[in-house]
Amino acid sequence: MEEMIIYIAIGYMSLIYLLIGLGINEKNAEYLLAGYNTASEDKKKEFDLTKYLMFFKPFFIRLSLFPLLSWLFVSLLINRDQMQILLWSFLQLTPFVFFLKKSVGTNWDIEQ
């Protein structure tokens, strides 16, 4: 039963990442994209939304594969359930470190 719950949670995570990657576009970014939705009109005009979405959308589409692939990797590496879940949970943060570094370290940053 626990294993089924884990795979359901992984499936939901993957689905959410995929929906984010497929769902956000230039028309709805004004409402859905954090940082952009609260920026002033002047900042929005300076921000290259098209270029940012060319990075953002593929990142989240590819990220939708990461929860399952990382779970399979951790499952092969470690046999103890609690350690598997702990390591897998920490692994879920690693793509977002890259995402933050890439998105803040460029001229896309709205807060500048």
N, C-alpha and C. Protein backbone atom coordinates (compact mmCIF):
# COMPACT_ATOMS: atom_id res chain seq x y z
N MET A 1 0.81 -1.20 0.00
CA MET A 1 0.00 0.00 0.00
C MET A 1 0.86 1.27 0.00
N GLU A 2 1.94 1.25 0.81
CA GLU A 2 2.83 2.40 0.86
C GLU A 2 3.45 2.67 -0.51
N GLU A 3 3.86 1.62 -1.18
CA GLU A 3 4.49 1.78 -2.48
C GLU A 3 3.52 2.40 -3.49
N MET A 4 2.26 2.01 -3.42
CA MET A 4 1.26 2.57 -4.31
C MET A 4 1.06 4.06 -4.04
N ILE A 5 1.07 4.44 -2.77
CA ILE A 5 0.93 5.86 -2.41
C ILE A 5 2.12 6.65 -2.93
N ILE A 6 3.29 6.09 -2.83
CA ILE A 6 4.50 6.76 -3.33
C ILE A 6 4.38 6.98 -4.84
N TYR A 7 3.99 5.97 -5.58
CA TYR A 7 3.89 6.12 -7.04
C TYR A 7 2.76 7.07 -7.44
N ILE A 8 1.69 7.12 -6.66
CA ILE A 8 0.62 8.09 -6.94
C ILE A 8 1.15 9.52 -6.71
N ALA A 9 1.88 9.73 -5.62
CA ALA A 9 2.46 11.05 -5.34
C ALA A 9 3.44 11.47 -6.43
N ILE A 10 4.27 10.52 -6.86
CA ILE A 10 5.23 10.81 -7.93
C ILE A 10 4.48 11.15 -9.22
N GLY A 11 3.42 10.41 -9.50
CA GLY A 11 2.62 10.68 -10.69
C GLY A 11 2.00 12.06 -10.66
N TYR A 12 1.48 12.46 -9.51
CA TYR A 12 0.90 13.81 -9.39
C TYR A 12 1.96 14.89 -9.55
N MET A 13 3.10 14.70 -8.96
CA MET A 13 4.18 15.68 -9.13
C MET A 13 4.55 15.82 -10.59
N SER A 14 4.71 14.70 -11.26
CA SER A 14 5.07 14.73 -12.68
C SER A 14 3.99 15.42 -13.50
N LEU A 15 2.75 15.12 -13.21
CA LEU A 15 1.64 15.73 -13.94
C LEU A 15 1.59 17.24 -13.72
N ILE A 16 1.82 17.68 -12.50
CA ILE A 16 1.83 19.12 -12.22
C ILE A 16 2.95 19.81 -12.97
N TYR A 17 4.15 19.24 -12.95
CA TYR A 17 5.26 19.84 -13.70
C TYR A 17 4.94 19.90 -15.19
N LEU A 18 4.36 18.84 -15.72
CA LEU A 18 4.02 18.81 -17.13
C LEU A 18 2.96 19.86 -17.45
N LEU A 19 1.96 19.99 -16.62
CA LEU A 19 0.91 20.99 -16.85
C LEU A 19 1.45 22.41 -16.76
N ILE A 20 2.39 22.64 -15.86
CA ILE A 20 3.03 23.95 -15.78
C ILE A 20 3.78 24.23 -17.08
N GLY A 21 4.56 23.25 -17.54
CA GLY A 21 5.35 23.43 -18.76
C GLY A 21 4.49 23.64 -20.00
N LEU A 22 3.39 22.93 -20.07
CA LEU A 22 2.52 23.06 -21.24
C LEU A 22 1.53 24.21 -21.11
N GLY A 23 1.18 24.57 -19.88
CA GLY A 23 0.10 25.52 -19.68
C GLY A 23 0.48 26.99 -19.69
N ILE A 24 1.66 27.32 -19.21
CA ILE A 24 2.02 28.74 -19.13
C ILE A 24 2.49 29.22 -20.49
N ASN A 25 1.90 30.33 -20.93
CA ASN A 25 2.27 30.95 -22.20
C ASN A 25 2.25 32.46 -22.04
N GLU A 26 2.48 33.18 -23.12
CA GLU A 26 2.56 34.64 -23.05
C GLU A 26 1.22 35.26 -22.66
N LYS A 27 0.14 34.61 -23.00
CA LYS A 27 -1.18 35.18 -22.71
C LYS A 27 -1.53 35.09 -21.23
N ASN A 28 -1.19 33.98 -20.58
CA ASN A 28 -1.58 33.82 -19.18
C ASN A 28 -0.43 34.05 -18.20
N ALA A 29 0.77 34.37 -18.70
CA ALA A 29 1.91 34.62 -17.81
C ALA A 29 1.65 35.81 -16.90
N GLU A 30 0.86 36.75 -17.37
CA GLU A 30 0.55 37.93 -16.56
C GLU A 30 -0.17 37.53 -15.27
N TYR A 31 -0.85 36.41 -15.28
CA TYR A 31 -1.59 35.95 -14.11
C TYR A 31 -0.88 34.82 -13.37
N LEU A 32 -0.13 33.99 -14.06
CA LEU A 32 0.40 32.76 -13.48
C LEU A 32 1.89 32.77 -13.16
N LEU A 33 2.67 33.59 -13.81
CA LEU A 33 4.12 33.55 -13.66
C LEU A 33 4.56 34.43 -12.49
N ALA A 34 5.06 33.79 -11.44
CA ALA A 34 5.46 34.52 -10.23
C ALA A 34 6.56 35.53 -10.55
N GLY A 35 6.42 36.70 -10.00
CA GLY A 35 7.38 37.76 -10.24
C GLY A 35 6.94 38.63 -11.41
N TYR A 36 6.57 37.99 -12.49
CA TYR A 36 6.09 38.73 -13.65
C TYR A 36 4.69 39.28 -13.37
N ASN A 37 3.88 38.52 -12.65
CA ASN A 37 2.51 38.95 -12.40
C ASN A 37 2.42 40.13 -11.44
N THR A 38 3.45 40.38 -10.66
CA THR A 38 3.43 41.50 -9.73
C THR A 38 4.30 42.66 -10.18
N ALA A 39 4.98 42.53 -11.30
CA ALA A 39 5.86 43.58 -11.80
C ALA A 39 5.05 44.74 -12.35
N SER A 40 5.67 45.91 -12.32
CA SER A 40 5.01 47.09 -12.89
C SER A 40 4.98 46.95 -14.42
N GLU A 41 4.16 47.76 -15.04
CA GLU A 41 4.04 47.71 -16.51
C GLU A 41 5.37 48.04 -17.18
N ASP A 42 6.13 48.98 -16.60
CA ASP A 42 7.44 49.31 -17.17
C ASP A 42 8.40 48.13 -17.11
N LYS A 43 8.39 47.44 -15.97
CA LYS A 43 9.26 46.26 -15.83
C LYS A 43 8.83 45.15 -16.78
N LYS A 44 7.53 44.99 -16.96
CA LYS A 44 7.04 43.96 -17.89
C LYS A 44 7.47 44.26 -19.31
N LYS A 45 7.49 45.53 -19.69
CA LYS A 45 7.92 45.90 -21.04
C LYS A 45 9.41 45.65 -21.25
N GLU A 46 10.21 45.83 -20.18
CA GLU A 46 11.65 45.58 -20.25
C GLU A 46 11.99 44.09 -20.27
N PHE A 47 11.13 43.29 -19.69
CA PHE A 47 11.37 41.85 -19.53
C PHE A 47 11.10 41.11 -20.83
N ASP A 48 12.05 40.28 -21.25
CA ASP A 48 11.89 39.48 -22.47
C ASP A 48 11.15 38.18 -22.13
N LEU A 49 9.84 38.26 -22.11
CA LEU A 49 9.01 37.12 -21.71
C LEU A 49 9.15 35.95 -22.68
N THR A 50 9.23 36.24 -23.96
CA THR A 50 9.36 35.18 -24.96
C THR A 50 10.63 34.37 -24.74
N LYS A 51 11.73 35.06 -24.52
CA LYS A 51 13.01 34.38 -24.29
C LYS A 51 12.97 33.57 -23.00
N TYR A 52 12.36 34.14 -21.96
CA TYR A 52 12.26 33.43 -20.68
C TYR A 52 11.41 32.18 -20.82
N LEU A 53 10.30 32.27 -21.53
CA LEU A 53 9.43 31.10 -21.71
C LEU A 53 10.10 30.02 -22.55
N MET A 54 11.04 30.41 -23.42
CA MET A 54 11.79 29.42 -24.19
C MET A 54 12.68 28.58 -23.26
N PHE A 55 13.06 29.13 -22.11
CA PHE A 55 13.79 28.37 -21.10
C PHE A 55 12.82 27.67 -20.15
N PHE A 56 11.80 28.38 -19.70
CA PHE A 56 10.89 27.92 -18.66
C PHE A 56 10.08 26.69 -19.09
N LYS A 57 9.46 26.75 -20.25
CA LYS A 57 8.56 25.67 -20.68
C LYS A 57 9.30 24.34 -20.87
N PRO A 58 10.39 24.30 -21.63
CA PRO A 58 11.10 23.01 -21.77
C PRO A 58 11.67 22.50 -20.44
N PHE A 59 12.07 23.42 -19.57
CA PHE A 59 12.58 23.00 -18.27
C PHE A 59 11.53 22.21 -17.52
N PHE A 60 10.31 22.72 -17.44
CA PHE A 60 9.27 22.04 -16.68
C PHE A 60 8.76 20.79 -17.39
N ILE A 61 8.78 20.78 -18.70
CA ILE A 61 8.38 19.57 -19.42
C ILE A 61 9.37 18.45 -19.14
N ARG A 62 10.67 18.77 -19.21
CA ARG A 62 11.68 17.76 -18.89
C ARG A 62 11.64 17.39 -17.41
N LEU A 63 11.36 18.38 -16.57
CA LEU A 63 11.29 18.13 -15.13
C LEU A 63 10.19 17.13 -14.78
N SER A 64 9.20 17.01 -15.61
CA SER A 64 8.11 16.07 -15.32
C SER A 64 8.59 14.62 -15.31
N LEU A 65 9.71 14.34 -15.92
CA LEU A 65 10.28 12.99 -15.91
C LEU A 65 11.16 12.74 -14.68
N PHE A 66 11.61 13.81 -14.06
CA PHE A 66 12.59 13.69 -12.98
C PHE A 66 12.09 12.95 -11.75
N PRO A 67 10.87 13.20 -11.24
CA PRO A 67 10.46 12.48 -10.03
C PRO A 67 10.48 10.96 -10.20
N LEU A 68 9.96 10.45 -11.30
CA LEU A 68 9.95 9.01 -11.50
C LEU A 68 11.35 8.46 -11.72
N LEU A 69 12.12 9.11 -12.57
CA LEU A 69 13.48 8.61 -12.84
C LEU A 69 14.35 8.65 -11.58
N SER A 70 14.23 9.71 -10.80
CA SER A 70 15.03 9.78 -9.58
C SER A 70 14.56 8.76 -8.55
N TRP A 71 13.27 8.47 -8.51
CA TRP A 71 12.77 7.44 -7.58
C TRP A 71 13.31 6.06 -7.98
N LEU A 72 13.30 5.75 -9.27
CA LEU A 72 13.82 4.47 -9.73
C LEU A 72 15.31 4.35 -9.40
N PHE A 73 16.04 5.44 -9.60
CA PHE A 73 17.47 5.44 -9.28
C PHE A 73 17.70 5.20 -7.79
N VAL A 74 16.97 5.93 -6.95
CA VAL A 74 17.13 5.79 -5.50
C VAL A 74 16.71 4.40 -5.05
N SER A 75 15.66 3.85 -5.64
CA SER A 75 15.19 2.52 -5.29
C SER A 75 16.23 1.45 -5.59
N LEU A 76 16.97 1.63 -6.67
CA LEU A 76 18.03 0.68 -7.01
C LEU A 76 19.24 0.84 -6.10
N LEU A 77 19.45 2.06 -5.63
CA LEU A 77 20.63 2.37 -4.83
C LEU A 77 20.47 1.99 -3.36
N ILE A 78 19.29 2.19 -2.80
CA ILE A 78 19.06 2.01 -1.36
C ILE A 78 17.88 1.08 -1.15
N ASN A 79 17.98 0.20 -0.16
CA ASN A 79 16.91 -0.76 0.11
C ASN A 79 15.98 -0.33 1.23
N ARG A 80 16.37 0.55 2.10
CA ARG A 80 15.54 0.96 3.24
C ARG A 80 14.54 2.03 2.79
N ASP A 81 13.25 1.81 3.08
CA ASP A 81 12.19 2.70 2.63
C ASP A 81 12.36 4.13 3.10
N GLN A 82 12.66 4.31 4.39
CA GLN A 82 12.78 5.67 4.92
C GLN A 82 13.94 6.42 4.29
N MET A 83 15.04 5.75 4.08
CA MET A 83 16.19 6.39 3.45
C MET A 83 15.91 6.71 1.98
N GLN A 84 15.18 5.82 1.31
CA GLN A 84 14.80 6.07 -0.08
C GLN A 84 13.99 7.36 -0.18
N ILE A 85 12.99 7.48 0.66
CA ILE A 85 12.12 8.65 0.62
C ILE A 85 12.88 9.92 0.98
N LEU A 86 13.75 9.84 1.97
CA LEU A 86 14.53 11.01 2.39
C LEU A 86 15.47 11.47 1.27
N LEU A 87 16.23 10.55 0.71
CA LEU A 87 17.14 10.90 -0.38
C LEU A 87 16.38 11.41 -1.59
N TRP A 88 15.30 10.74 -1.93
CA TRP A 88 14.50 11.17 -3.08
C TRP A 88 13.95 12.58 -2.86
N SER A 89 13.50 12.87 -1.66
CA SER A 89 12.96 14.20 -1.35
C SER A 89 14.02 15.28 -1.55
N PHE A 90 15.23 15.03 -1.09
CA PHE A 90 16.30 16.00 -1.28
C PHE A 90 16.67 16.12 -2.76
N LEU A 91 16.63 15.03 -3.47
CA LEU A 91 16.94 15.08 -4.90
C LEU A 91 15.96 15.95 -5.67
N GLN A 92 14.73 16.06 -5.19
CA GLN A 92 13.73 16.87 -5.88
C GLN A 92 14.07 18.36 -5.87
N LEU A 93 14.93 18.75 -4.96
CA LEU A 93 15.33 20.16 -4.88
C LEU A 93 16.42 20.52 -5.90
N THR A 94 17.19 19.55 -6.33
CA THR A 94 18.36 19.85 -7.18
C THR A 94 18.01 20.53 -8.50
N PRO A 95 16.97 20.14 -9.22
CA PRO A 95 16.69 20.86 -10.46
C PRO A 95 16.32 22.33 -10.22
N PHE A 96 15.75 22.62 -9.07
CA PHE A 96 15.34 23.99 -8.79
C PHE A 96 16.53 24.88 -8.44
N VAL A 97 17.61 24.30 -7.96
CA VAL A 97 18.83 25.05 -7.76
C VAL A 97 19.34 25.53 -9.11
N PHE A 98 19.37 24.65 -10.09
CA PHE A 98 19.75 25.03 -11.45
C PHE A 98 18.78 26.07 -12.01
N PHE A 99 17.49 25.85 -11.80
CA PHE A 99 16.47 26.76 -12.31
C PHE A 99 16.66 28.17 -11.74
N LEU A 100 16.86 28.26 -10.43
CA LEU A 100 17.07 29.57 -9.81
C LEU A 100 18.35 30.23 -10.28
N LYS A 101 19.41 29.45 -10.38
CA LYS A 101 20.69 30.01 -10.83
C LYS A 101 20.56 30.54 -12.25
N LYS A 102 19.92 29.79 -13.10
CA LYS A 102 19.78 30.19 -14.50
C LYS A 102 18.83 31.37 -14.65
N SER A 103 17.71 31.35 -13.95
CA SER A 103 16.72 32.40 -14.16
C SER A 103 17.08 33.71 -13.45
N VAL A 104 17.77 33.65 -12.32
CA VAL A 104 18.15 34.86 -11.61
C VAL A 104 19.47 35.41 -12.15
N GLY A 105 20.31 34.54 -12.64
CA GLY A 105 21.63 34.96 -13.11
C GLY A 105 21.64 35.52 -14.52
N THR A 106 20.49 35.81 -15.09
CA THR A 106 20.43 36.35 -16.45
C THR A 106 19.76 37.71 -16.42
N ASN A 107 19.60 38.29 -17.59
CA ASN A 107 18.94 39.58 -17.66
C ASN A 107 17.42 39.45 -17.63
N TRP A 108 16.91 38.26 -17.33
CA TRP A 108 15.47 38.05 -17.19
C TRP A 108 14.96 38.56 -15.86
N ASP A 109 15.86 38.77 -14.91
CA ASP A 109 15.46 39.09 -13.55
C ASP A 109 14.65 40.39 -13.52
N ILE A 110 13.42 40.31 -13.09
CA ILE A 110 12.53 41.47 -13.05
C ILE A 110 12.89 42.40 -11.89
N GLU A 111 13.42 41.86 -10.82
CA GLU A 111 13.68 42.65 -9.62
C GLU A 111 14.86 43.59 -9.75
N GLN A 112 15.63 43.53 -10.80
CA GLN A 112 16.83 44.36 -10.94
C GLN A 112 16.49 45.82 -11.00
